[in-house]
Amino acid sequence: MAQKGYISEFMNGGRIVSHGKIESLESGFRLPNGTPFSIYIRPKNSENTSSLDTVLNVKCYQDDEFSDAPVAFNGWSPMAITEIAPNNDILETCDLYWGSGSYIQIS
């Protein structure tokens, strides 16, 4: 993976150093080389949201298979996710962002 400047292990721990918006989950989502990432889910209409969280089908860093996991709204998830299963329905009501502690270049 390419580097864009040095970030010490101390500063990298728990920090998001690259991020982006997930525009489609038609084929699921993953970063290059299986790099783990966190997600942030923001309801598009927060006035009508009484729920605190939602459930996504994800694969975490130590998982071999997808499984359902609750993800809180309006905060970065502590999960080290490697892949989100296809699910465009969530993007109708929420904006979804990814963030990683590694430099990521998506073409």
PDB file of N, CA and C in Angstrom:
ATOM      1  N   MET A   1       0.815  -1.166   0.000  1.00  0.00           N
ATOM      2  CA  MET A   1       0.000   0.000   0.000  1.00  0.00           C
ATOM      3  C   MET A   1       0.875   1.252   0.000  1.00  0.00           C
ATOM      4  N   ALA A   2       0.465   2.240  -0.699  1.00  0.00           N
ATOM      5  CA  ALA A   2       1.210   3.497  -0.763  1.00  0.00           C
ATOM      6  C   ALA A   2       1.098   4.245   0.563  1.00  0.00           C
ATOM      7  N   GLN A   3       2.069   5.073   0.846  1.00  0.00           N
ATOM      8  CA  GLN A   3       2.067   5.899   2.046  1.00  0.00           C
ATOM      9  C   GLN A   3       2.001   7.366   1.642  1.00  0.00           C
ATOM     10  N   LYS A   4       1.417   8.179   2.451  1.00  0.00           N
ATOM     11  CA  LYS A   4       1.343   9.615   2.181  1.00  0.00           C
ATOM     12  C   LYS A   4       1.829  10.374   3.401  1.00  0.00           C
ATOM     13  N   GLY A   5       3.022  10.069   3.842  1.00  0.00           N
ATOM     14  CA  GLY A   5       3.554  10.703   5.042  1.00  0.00           C
ATOM     15  C   GLY A   5       3.549   9.734   6.197  1.00  0.00           C
ATOM     16  N   TYR A   6       4.369  10.003   7.183  1.00  0.00           N
ATOM     17  CA  TYR A   6       4.535   9.104   8.320  1.00  0.00           C
ATOM     18  C   TYR A   6       3.577   9.455   9.439  1.00  0.00           C
ATOM     19  N   ILE A   7       2.943   8.440   9.991  1.00  0.00           N
ATOM     20  CA  ILE A   7       2.109   8.579  11.176  1.00  0.00           C
ATOM     21  C   ILE A   7       2.607   7.528  12.155  1.00  0.00           C
ATOM     22  N   SER A   8       3.028   7.950  13.332  1.00  0.00           N
ATOM     23  CA  SER A   8       3.563   7.009  14.309  1.00  0.00           C
ATOM     24  C   SER A   8       2.490   6.010  14.726  1.00  0.00           C
ATOM     25  N   GLU A   9       2.915   4.846  15.233  1.00  0.00           N
ATOM     26  CA  GLU A   9       1.963   3.839  15.702  1.00  0.00           C
ATOM     27  C   GLU A   9       1.086   4.410  16.814  1.00  0.00           C
ATOM     28  N   PHE A  10       1.669   5.267  17.658  1.00  0.00           N
ATOM     29  CA  PHE A  10       0.912   5.878  18.739  1.00  0.00           C
ATOM     30  C   PHE A  10      -0.228   6.739  18.188  1.00  0.00           C
ATOM     31  N   MET A  11       0.071   7.569  17.218  1.00  0.00           N
ATOM     32  CA  MET A  11      -0.949   8.445  16.639  1.00  0.00           C
ATOM     33  C   MET A  11      -1.934   7.653  15.785  1.00  0.00           C
ATOM     34  N   ASN A  12      -1.472   6.587  15.156  1.00  0.00           N
ATOM     35  CA  ASN A  12      -2.323   5.785  14.290  1.00  0.00           C
ATOM     36  C   ASN A  12      -3.341   4.981  15.092  1.00  0.00           C
ATOM     37  N   GLY A  13      -3.001   4.608  16.310  1.00  0.00           N
ATOM     38  CA  GLY A  13      -3.891   3.791  17.127  1.00  0.00           C
ATOM     39  C   GLY A  13      -5.224   4.474  17.358  1.00  0.00           C
ATOM     40  N   GLY A  14      -6.286   3.933  16.804  1.00  0.00           N
ATOM     41  CA  GLY A  14      -7.612   4.494  16.992  1.00  0.00           C
ATOM     42  C   GLY A  14      -7.914   5.736  16.178  1.00  0.00           C
ATOM     43  N   ARG A  15      -7.038   6.121  15.278  1.00  0.00           N
ATOM     44  CA  ARG A  15      -7.250   7.315  14.455  1.00  0.00           C
ATOM     45  C   ARG A  15      -7.701   6.935  13.056  1.00  0.00           C
ATOM     46  N   ILE A  16      -8.555   7.748  12.495  1.00  0.00           N
ATOM     47  CA  ILE A  16      -8.964   7.582  11.105  1.00  0.00           C
ATOM     48  C   ILE A  16      -8.096   8.513  10.287  1.00  0.00           C
ATOM     49  N   VAL A  17      -7.325   7.941   9.367  1.00  0.00           N
ATOM     50  CA  VAL A  17      -6.406   8.758   8.568  1.00  0.00           C
ATOM     51  C   VAL A  17      -6.827   8.850   7.102  1.00  0.00           C
ATOM     52  N   SER A  18      -7.812   8.046   6.709  1.00  0.00           N
ATOM     53  CA  SER A  18      -8.395   8.182   5.372  1.00  0.00           C
ATOM     54  C   SER A  18      -9.861   7.760   5.469  1.00  0.00           C
ATOM     55  N   HIS A  19     -10.694   8.351   4.626  1.00  0.00           N
ATOM     56  CA  HIS A  19     -12.125   8.075   4.713  1.00  0.00           C
ATOM     57  C   HIS A  19     -12.819   8.372   3.388  1.00  0.00           C
ATOM     58  N   GLY A  20     -14.082   7.996   3.310  1.00  0.00           N
ATOM     59  CA  GLY A  20     -14.877   8.285   2.128  1.00  0.00           C
ATOM     60  C   GLY A  20     -16.329   7.917   2.363  1.00  0.00           C
ATOM     61  N   LYS A  21     -17.160   8.260   1.415  1.00  0.00           N
ATOM     62  CA  LYS A  21     -18.590   7.960   1.490  1.00  0.00           C
ATOM     63  C   LYS A  21     -18.868   6.711   0.665  1.00  0.00           C
ATOM     64  N   ILE A  22     -19.681   5.830   1.199  1.00  0.00           N
ATOM     65  CA  ILE A  22     -20.092   4.630   0.469  1.00  0.00           C
ATOM     66  C   ILE A  22     -21.328   4.999  -0.339  1.00  0.00           C
ATOM     67  N   GLU A  23     -21.190   5.000  -1.643  1.00  0.00           N
ATOM     68  CA  GLU A  23     -22.268   5.434  -2.541  1.00  0.00           C
ATOM     69  C   GLU A  23     -23.180   4.288  -2.972  1.00  0.00           C
ATOM     70  N   SER A  24     -22.694   3.049  -2.905  1.00  0.00           N
ATOM     71  CA  SER A  24     -23.488   1.898  -3.327  1.00  0.00           C
ATOM     72  C   SER A  24     -23.078   0.667  -2.528  1.00  0.00           C
ATOM     73  N   LEU A  25     -24.069  -0.130  -2.188  1.00  0.00           N
ATOM     74  CA  LEU A  25     -23.815  -1.429  -1.564  1.00  0.00           C
ATOM     75  C   LEU A  25     -24.394  -2.545  -2.423  1.00  0.00           C
ATOM     76  N   GLU A  26     -24.603  -2.245  -3.704  1.00  0.00           N
ATOM     77  CA  GLU A  26     -25.170  -3.232  -4.620  1.00  0.00           C
ATOM     78  C   GLU A  26     -24.333  -4.511  -4.643  1.00  0.00           C
ATOM     79  N   SER A  27     -23.024  -4.356  -4.631  1.00  0.00           N
ATOM     80  CA  SER A  27     -22.113  -5.506  -4.619  1.00  0.00           C
ATOM     81  C   SER A  27     -21.403  -5.630  -3.273  1.00  0.00           C
ATOM     82  N   GLY A  28     -21.900  -4.968  -2.260  1.00  0.00           N
ATOM     83  CA  GLY A  28     -21.222  -4.936  -0.972  1.00  0.00           C
ATOM     84  C   GLY A  28     -20.129  -3.883  -1.006  1.00  0.00           C
ATOM     85  N   PHE A  29     -19.302  -3.862   0.036  1.00  0.00           N
ATOM     86  CA  PHE A  29     -18.219  -2.880   0.102  1.00  0.00           C
ATOM     87  C   PHE A  29     -17.043  -3.465   0.848  1.00  0.00           C
ATOM     88  N   ARG A  30     -15.860  -3.230   0.312  1.00  0.00           N
ATOM     89  CA  ARG A  30     -14.611  -3.586   0.985  1.00  0.00           C
ATOM     90  C   ARG A  30     -13.523  -2.663   0.481  1.00  0.00           C
ATOM     91  N   LEU A  31     -12.499  -2.484   1.287  1.00  0.00           N
ATOM     92  CA  LEU A  31     -11.348  -1.683   0.895  1.00  0.00           C
ATOM     93  C   LEU A  31     -10.318  -2.584   0.223  1.00  0.00           C
ATOM     94  N   PRO A  32      -9.401  -1.998  -0.552  1.00  0.00           N
ATOM     95  CA  PRO A  32      -8.361  -2.801  -1.198  1.00  0.00           C
ATOM     96  C   PRO A  32      -7.564  -3.614  -0.176  1.00  0.00           C
ATOM     97  N   ASN A  33      -7.167  -4.790  -0.579  1.00  0.00           N
ATOM     98  CA  ASN A  33      -6.329  -5.687   0.231  1.00  0.00           C
ATOM     99  C   ASN A  33      -6.981  -6.112   1.543  1.00  0.00           C
ATOM    100  N   GLY A  34      -8.290  -6.012   1.646  1.00  0.00           N
ATOM    101  CA  GLY A  34      -8.980  -6.429   2.862  1.00  0.00           C
ATOM    102  C   GLY A  34      -8.670  -5.564   4.072  1.00  0.00           C
ATOM    103  N   THR A  35      -8.270  -4.321   3.853  1.00  0.00           N
ATOM    104  CA  THR A  35      -7.932  -3.406   4.942  1.00  0.00           C
ATOM    105  C   THR A  35      -9.143  -3.177   5.846  1.00  0.00           C
ATOM    106  N   PRO A  36      -8.987  -3.338   7.157  1.00  0.00           N
ATOM    107  CA  PRO A  36     -10.105  -3.100   8.073  1.00  0.00           C
ATOM    108  C   PRO A  36     -10.502  -1.620   8.103  1.00  0.00           C
ATOM    109  N   PHE A  37     -11.773  -1.378   8.385  1.00  0.00           N
ATOM    110  CA  PHE A  37     -12.284  -0.015   8.457  1.00  0.00           C
ATOM    111  C   PHE A  37     -13.409   0.076   9.467  1.00  0.00           C
ATOM    112  N   SER A  38     -13.715   1.280   9.852  1.00  0.00           N
ATOM    113  CA  SER A  38     -14.837   1.579  10.717  1.00  0.00           C
ATOM    114  C   SER A  38     -15.921   2.221   9.848  1.00  0.00           C
ATOM    115  N   ILE A  39     -17.141   2.277  10.365  1.00  0.00           N
ATOM    116  CA  ILE A  39     -18.208   2.933   9.615  1.00  0.00           C
ATOM    117  C   ILE A  39     -18.940   3.941  10.496  1.00  0.00           C
ATOM    118  N   TYR A  40     -19.504   4.915   9.833  1.00  0.00           N
ATOM    119  CA  TYR A  40     -20.322   5.945  10.465  1.00  0.00           C
ATOM    120  C   TYR A  40     -21.642   5.963   9.702  1.00  0.00           C
ATOM    121  N   ILE A  41     -22.753   5.785  10.408  1.00  0.00           N
ATOM    122  CA  ILE A  41     -24.067   5.797   9.771  1.00  0.00           C
ATOM    123  C   ILE A  41     -24.828   7.026  10.268  1.00  0.00           C
ATOM    124  N   ARG A  42     -25.275   7.814   9.306  1.00  0.00           N
ATOM    125  CA  ARG A  42     -26.006   9.045   9.628  1.00  0.00           C
ATOM    126  C   ARG A  42     -27.369   9.004   8.947  1.00  0.00           C
ATOM    127  N   PRO A  43     -28.459   8.943   9.728  1.00  0.00           N
ATOM    128  CA  PRO A  43     -29.789   8.951   9.116  1.00  0.00           C
ATOM    129  C   PRO A  43     -29.986  10.222   8.284  1.00  0.00           C
ATOM    130  N   LYS A  44     -30.605  10.074   7.120  1.00  0.00           N
ATOM    131  CA  LYS A  44     -30.833  11.226   6.236  1.00  0.00           C
ATOM    132  C   LYS A  44     -31.873  12.176   6.817  1.00  0.00           C
ATOM    133  N   ASN A  45     -32.827  11.638   7.570  1.00  0.00           N
ATOM    134  CA  ASN A  45     -33.856  12.474   8.185  1.00  0.00           C
ATOM    135  C   ASN A  45     -33.867  12.177   9.677  1.00  0.00           C
ATOM    136  N   SER A  46     -33.034  12.859  10.427  1.00  0.00           N
ATOM    137  CA  SER A  46     -32.880  12.575  11.854  1.00  0.00           C
ATOM    138  C   SER A  46     -34.128  12.915  12.667  1.00  0.00           C
ATOM    139  N   GLU A  47     -35.010  13.741  12.137  1.00  0.00           N
ATOM    140  CA  GLU A  47     -36.234  14.094  12.861  1.00  0.00           C
ATOM    141  C   GLU A  47     -37.154  12.893  13.020  1.00  0.00           C
ATOM    142  N   ASN A  48     -37.128  11.979  12.063  1.00  0.00           N
ATOM    143  CA  ASN A  48     -38.018  10.819  12.104  1.00  0.00           C
ATOM    144  C   ASN A  48     -37.315   9.568  12.629  1.00  0.00           C
ATOM    145  N   THR A  49     -36.122   9.700  13.176  1.00  0.00           N
ATOM    146  CA  THR A  49     -35.386   8.545  13.650  1.00  0.00           C
ATOM    147  C   THR A  49     -35.517   8.429  15.156  1.00  0.00           C
ATOM    148  N   SER A  50     -36.231   7.395  15.595  1.00  0.00           N
ATOM    149  CA  SER A  50     -36.342   7.149  17.027  1.00  0.00           C
ATOM    150  C   SER A  50     -35.418   6.019  17.458  1.00  0.00           C
ATOM    151  N   SER A  51     -34.852   5.311  16.483  1.00  0.00           N
ATOM    152  CA  SER A  51     -33.944   4.206  16.789  1.00  0.00           C
ATOM    153  C   SER A  51     -32.556   4.732  17.125  1.00  0.00           C
ATOM    154  N   LEU A  52     -31.840   3.979  17.928  1.00  0.00           N
ATOM    155  CA  LEU A  52     -30.477   4.332  18.288  1.00  0.00           C
ATOM    156  C   LEU A  52     -29.452   3.670  17.377  1.00  0.00           C
ATOM    157  N   ASP A  53     -29.882   2.587  16.714  1.00  0.00           N
ATOM    158  CA  ASP A  53     -28.934   1.836  15.890  1.00  0.00           C
ATOM    159  C   ASP A  53     -29.650   1.103  14.766  1.00  0.00           C
ATOM    160  N   THR A  54     -28.859   0.413  13.954  1.00  0.00           N
ATOM    161  CA  THR A  54     -29.380  -0.438  12.899  1.00  0.00           C
ATOM    162  C   THR A  54     -28.498  -1.680  12.855  1.00  0.00           C
ATOM    163  N   VAL A  55     -28.910  -2.660  12.095  1.00  0.00           N
ATOM    164  CA  VAL A  55     -28.141  -3.901  11.981  1.00  0.00           C
ATOM    165  C   VAL A  55     -27.652  -4.045  10.544  1.00  0.00           C
ATOM    166  N   LEU A  56     -26.358  -4.291  10.398  1.00  0.00           N
ATOM    167  CA  LEU A  56     -25.754  -4.544   9.089  1.00  0.00           C
ATOM    168  C   LEU A  56     -25.132  -5.932   9.083  1.00  0.00           C
ATOM    169  N   ASN A  57     -25.106  -6.551   7.927  1.00  0.00           N
ATOM    170  CA  ASN A  57     -24.464  -7.847   7.748  1.00  0.00           C
ATOM    171  C   ASN A  57     -23.016  -7.584   7.343  1.00  0.00           C
ATOM    172  N   VAL A  58     -22.081  -7.831   8.247  1.00  0.00           N
ATOM    173  CA  VAL A  58     -20.681  -7.483   8.026  1.00  0.00           C
ATOM    174  C   VAL A  58     -19.757  -8.665   8.319  1.00  0.00           C
ATOM    175  N   LYS A  59     -18.534  -8.521   7.849  1.00  0.00           N
ATOM    176  CA  LYS A  59     -17.469  -9.455   8.186  1.00  0.00           C
ATOM    177  C   LYS A  59     -16.389  -8.634   8.889  1.00  0.00           C
ATOM    178  N   CYS A  60     -16.067  -8.985  10.134  1.00  0.00           N
ATOM    179  CA  CYS A  60     -15.022  -8.286  10.877  1.00  0.00           C
ATOM    180  C   CYS A  60     -13.667  -8.945  10.623  1.00  0.00           C
ATOM    181  N   TYR A  61     -12.626  -8.308  11.103  1.00  0.00           N
ATOM    182  CA  TYR A  61     -11.247  -8.702  10.830  1.00  0.00           C
ATOM    183  C   TYR A  61     -10.957 -10.172  11.160  1.00  0.00           C
ATOM    184  N   GLN A  62     -11.538 -10.696  12.226  1.00  0.00           N
ATOM    185  CA  GLN A  62     -11.277 -12.084  12.619  1.00  0.00           C
ATOM    186  C   GLN A  62     -12.383 -13.047  12.179  1.00  0.00           C
ATOM    187  N   ASP A  63     -13.367 -12.563  11.458  1.00  0.00           N
ATOM    188  CA  ASP A  63     -14.481 -13.409  11.017  1.00  0.00           C
ATOM    189  C   ASP A  63     -14.181 -14.108   9.702  1.00  0.00           C
ATOM    190  N   ASP A  64     -14.709 -15.325   9.567  1.00  0.00           N
ATOM    191  CA  ASP A  64     -14.620 -16.055   8.304  1.00  0.00           C
ATOM    192  C   ASP A  64     -15.878 -15.879   7.466  1.00  0.00           C
ATOM    193  N   GLU A  65     -16.983 -15.527   8.124  1.00  0.00           N
ATOM    194  CA  GLU A  65     -18.256 -15.395   7.437  1.00  0.00           C
ATOM    195  C   GLU A  65     -18.954 -14.103   7.865  1.00  0.00           C
ATOM    196  N   PHE A  66     -19.922 -13.679   7.055  1.00  0.00           N
ATOM    197  CA  PHE A  66     -20.738 -12.517   7.402  1.00  0.00           C
ATOM    198  C   PHE A  66     -21.675 -12.873   8.555  1.00  0.00           C
ATOM    199  N   SER A  67     -21.997 -11.872   9.367  1.00  0.00           N
ATOM    200  CA  SER A  67     -23.020 -12.034  10.399  1.00  0.00           C
ATOM    201  C   SER A  67     -23.593 -10.655  10.721  1.00  0.00           C
ATOM    202  N   ASP A  68     -24.792 -10.651  11.284  1.00  0.00           N
ATOM    203  CA  ASP A  68     -25.449  -9.402  11.637  1.00  0.00           C
ATOM    204  C   ASP A  68     -24.741  -8.758  12.825  1.00  0.00           C
ATOM    205  N   ALA A  69     -24.600  -7.437  12.762  1.00  0.00           N
ATOM    206  CA  ALA A  69     -23.972  -6.684  13.847  1.00  0.00           C
ATOM    207  C   ALA A  69     -24.695  -5.357  14.011  1.00  0.00           C
ATOM    208  N   PRO A  70     -25.025  -4.973  15.251  1.00  0.00           N
ATOM    209  CA  PRO A  70     -25.650  -3.670  15.477  1.00  0.00           C
ATOM    210  C   PRO A  70     -24.619  -2.558  15.335  1.00  0.00           C
ATOM    211  N   VAL A  71     -25.035  -1.466  14.704  1.00  0.00           N
ATOM    212  CA  VAL A  71     -24.166  -0.305  14.516  1.00  0.00           C
ATOM    213  C   VAL A  71     -24.950   0.924  14.959  1.00  0.00           C
ATOM    214  N   ALA A  72     -24.383   1.673  15.910  1.00  0.00           N
ATOM    215  CA  ALA A  72     -25.053   2.871  16.433  1.00  0.00           C
ATOM    216  C   ALA A  72     -25.057   3.982  15.388  1.00  0.00           C
ATOM    217  N   PHE A  73     -26.126   4.768  15.387  1.00  0.00           N
ATOM    218  CA  PHE A  73     -26.206   5.937  14.517  1.00  0.00           C
ATOM    219  C   PHE A  73     -25.337   7.064  15.064  1.00  0.00           C
ATOM    220  N   ASN A  74     -24.841   7.901  14.155  1.00  0.00           N
ATOM    221  CA  ASN A  74     -24.157   9.157  14.484  1.00  0.00           C
ATOM    222  C   ASN A  74     -22.898   9.007  15.329  1.00  0.00           C
ATOM    223  N   GLY A  75     -22.136   7.962  15.077  1.00  0.00           N
ATOM    224  CA  GLY A  75     -20.861   7.775  15.762  1.00  0.00           C
ATOM    225  C   GLY A  75     -20.049   6.710  15.044  1.00  0.00           C
ATOM    226  N   TRP A  76     -18.732   6.832  15.105  1.00  0.00           N
ATOM    227  CA  TRP A  76     -17.871   5.837  14.461  1.00  0.00           C
ATOM    228  C   TRP A  76     -17.939   4.534  15.229  1.00  0.00           C
ATOM    229  N   SER A  77     -18.171   3.446  14.526  1.00  0.00           N
ATOM    230  CA  SER A  77     -18.243   2.122  15.134  1.00  0.00           C
ATOM    231  C   SER A  77     -16.846   1.648  15.535  1.00  0.00           C
ATOM    232  N   PRO A  78     -16.720   0.983  16.678  1.00  0.00           N
ATOM    233  CA  PRO A  78     -15.415   0.459  17.079  1.00  0.00           C
ATOM    234  C   PRO A  78     -15.040  -0.837  16.351  1.00  0.00           C
ATOM    235  N   MET A  79     -15.959  -1.407  15.563  1.00  0.00           N
ATOM    236  CA  MET A  79     -15.670  -2.667  14.872  1.00  0.00           C
ATOM    237  C   MET A  79     -14.606  -2.485  13.793  1.00  0.00           C
ATOM    238  N   ALA A  80     -13.740  -3.491  13.662  1.00  0.00           N
ATOM    239  CA  ALA A  80     -12.753  -3.535  12.580  1.00  0.00           C
ATOM    240  C   ALA A  80     -13.368  -4.372  11.460  1.00  0.00           C
ATOM    241  N   ILE A  81     -14.111  -3.715  10.577  1.00  0.00           N
ATOM    242  CA  ILE A  81     -14.860  -4.379   9.510  1.00  0.00           C
ATOM    243  C   ILE A  81     -13.952  -4.561   8.297  1.00  0.00           C
ATOM    244  N   THR A  82     -14.059  -5.705   7.636  1.00  0.00           N
ATOM    245  CA  THR A  82     -13.323  -5.906   6.389  1.00  0.00           C
ATOM    246  C   THR A  82     -14.254  -5.920   5.182  1.00  0.00           C
ATOM    247  N   GLU A  83     -15.554  -6.157   5.421  1.00  0.00           N
ATOM    248  CA  GLU A  83     -16.487  -6.194   4.294  1.00  0.00           C
ATOM    249  C   GLU A  83     -17.924  -6.025   4.778  1.00  0.00           C
ATOM    250  N   ILE A  84     -18.715  -5.303   3.984  1.00  0.00           N
ATOM    251  CA  ILE A  84     -20.147  -5.160   4.230  1.00  0.00           C
ATOM    252  C   ILE A  84     -20.866  -5.917   3.126  1.00  0.00           C
ATOM    253  N   ALA A  85     -21.829  -6.739   3.487  1.00  0.00           N
ATOM    254  CA  ALA A  85     -22.597  -7.513   2.514  1.00  0.00           C
ATOM    255  C   ALA A  85     -23.479  -6.585   1.676  1.00  0.00           C
ATOM    256  N   PRO A  86     -23.851  -7.012   0.465  1.00  0.00           N
ATOM    257  CA  PRO A  86     -24.743  -6.201  -0.362  1.00  0.00           C
ATOM    258  C   PRO A  86     -26.019  -5.834   0.395  1.00  0.00           C
ATOM    259  N   ASN A  87     -26.413  -4.542   0.308  1.00  0.00           N
ATOM    260  CA  ASN A  87     -27.605  -4.060   1.000  1.00  0.00           C
ATOM    261  C   ASN A  87     -27.845  -2.605   0.625  1.00  0.00           C
ATOM    262  N   ASN A  88     -28.398  -2.342  -0.527  1.00  0.00           N
ATOM    263  CA  ASN A  88     -28.651  -0.963  -0.946  1.00  0.00           C
ATOM    264  C   ASN A  88     -29.790  -0.321  -0.171  1.00  0.00           C
ATOM    265  N   ASP A  89     -30.629  -1.114   0.516  1.00  0.00           N
ATOM    266  CA  ASP A  89     -31.768  -0.566   1.249  1.00  0.00           C
ATOM    267  C   ASP A  89     -31.340   0.454   2.305  1.00  0.00           C
ATOM    268  N   ILE A  90     -30.242   0.190   3.007  1.00  0.00           N
ATOM    269  CA  ILE A  90     -29.796   1.096   4.070  1.00  0.00           C
ATOM    270  C   ILE A  90     -29.460   2.479   3.517  1.00  0.00           C
ATOM    271  N   LEU A  91     -28.991   2.533   2.277  1.00  0.00           N
ATOM    272  CA  LEU A  91     -28.594   3.822   1.689  1.00  0.00           C
ATOM    273  C   LEU A  91     -29.783   4.684   1.273  1.00  0.00           C
ATOM    274  N   GLU A  92     -30.992   4.112   1.282  1.00  0.00           N
ATOM    275  CA  GLU A  92     -32.192   4.906   1.005  1.00  0.00           C
ATOM    276  C   GLU A  92     -32.533   5.817   2.173  1.00  0.00           C
ATOM    277  N   THR A  93     -32.210   5.377   3.388  1.00  0.00           N
ATOM    278  CA  THR A  93     -32.571   6.141   4.580  1.00  0.00           C
ATOM    279  C   THR A  93     -31.369   6.718   5.330  1.00  0.00           C
ATOM    280  N   CYS A  94     -30.169   6.241   5.009  1.00  0.00           N
ATOM    281  CA  CYS A  94     -28.977   6.675   5.747  1.00  0.00           C
ATOM    282  C   CYS A  94     -27.800   6.941   4.805  1.00  0.00           C
ATOM    283  N   ASP A  95     -26.923   7.842   5.220  1.00  0.00           N
ATOM    284  CA  ASP A  95     -25.635   8.017   4.562  1.00  0.00           C
ATOM    285  C   ASP A  95     -24.633   7.165   5.325  1.00  0.00           C
ATOM    286  N   LEU A  96     -23.738   6.516   4.603  1.00  0.00           N
ATOM    287  CA  LEU A  96     -22.783   5.594   5.199  1.00  0.00           C
ATOM    288  C   LEU A  96     -21.371   5.981   4.778  1.00  0.00           C
ATOM    289  N   TYR A  97     -20.489   6.127   5.751  1.00  0.00           N
ATOM    290  CA  TYR A  97     -19.104   6.527   5.502  1.00  0.00           C
ATOM    291  C   TYR A  97     -18.161   5.462   6.037  1.00  0.00           C
ATOM    292  N   TRP A  98     -16.996   5.333   5.413  1.00  0.00           N
ATOM    293  CA  TRP A  98     -15.954   4.428   5.908  1.00  0.00           C
ATOM    294  C   TRP A  98     -14.768   5.267   6.377  1.00  0.00           C
ATOM    295  N   GLY A  99     -14.041   4.732   7.341  1.00  0.00           N
ATOM    296  CA  GLY A  99     -12.828   5.382   7.824  1.00  0.00           C
ATOM    297  C   GLY A  99     -11.818   4.320   8.205  1.00  0.00           C
ATOM    298  N   SER A 100     -10.545   4.573   7.879  1.00  0.00           N
ATOM    299  CA  SER A 100      -9.503   3.580   8.139  1.00  0.00           C
ATOM    300  C   SER A 100      -8.286   4.217   8.814  1.00  0.00           C
ATOM    301  N   GLY A 101      -7.578   3.421   9.586  1.00  0.00           N
ATOM    302  CA  GLY A 101      -6.331   3.854  10.202  1.00  0.00           C
ATOM    303  C   GLY A 101      -5.150   3.693   9.273  1.00  0.00           C
ATOM    304  N   SER A 102      -5.397   3.251   8.046  1.00  0.00           N
ATOM    305  CA  SER A 102      -4.346   3.081   7.036  1.00  0.00           C
ATOM    306  C   SER A 102      -4.604   4.029   5.875  1.00  0.00           C
ATOM    307  N   TYR A 103      -3.552   4.411   5.187  1.00  0.00           N
ATOM    308  CA  TYR A 103      -3.711   5.227   3.979  1.00  0.00           C
ATOM    309  C   TYR A 103      -4.356   4.368   2.907  1.00  0.00           C
ATOM    310  N   ILE A 104      -5.453   4.825   2.358  1.00  0.00           N
ATOM    311  CA  ILE A 104      -6.205   4.088   1.335  1.00  0.00           C
ATOM    312  C   ILE A 104      -6.332   4.982   0.102  1.00  0.00           C
ATOM    313  N   GLN A 105      -6.016   4.411  -1.039  1.00  0.00           N
ATOM    314  CA  GLN A 105      -6.223   5.122  -2.293  1.00  0.00           C
ATOM    315  C   GLN A 105      -7.187   4.304  -3.134  1.00  0.00           C
ATOM    316  N   ILE A 106      -8.377   4.866  -3.359  1.00  0.00           N
ATOM    317  CA  ILE A 106      -9.382   4.207  -4.170  1.00  0.00           C
ATOM    318  C   ILE A 106      -9.455   4.935  -5.506  1.00  0.00           C
ATOM    319  N   SER A 107      -9.318   4.159  -6.580  1.00  0.00           N
ATOM    320  CA  SER A 107      -9.340   4.809  -7.897  1.00  0.00           C
ATOM    321  C   SER A 107     -10.725   4.966  -8.435  1.00  0.00           C
TER     322      SER A 107
END
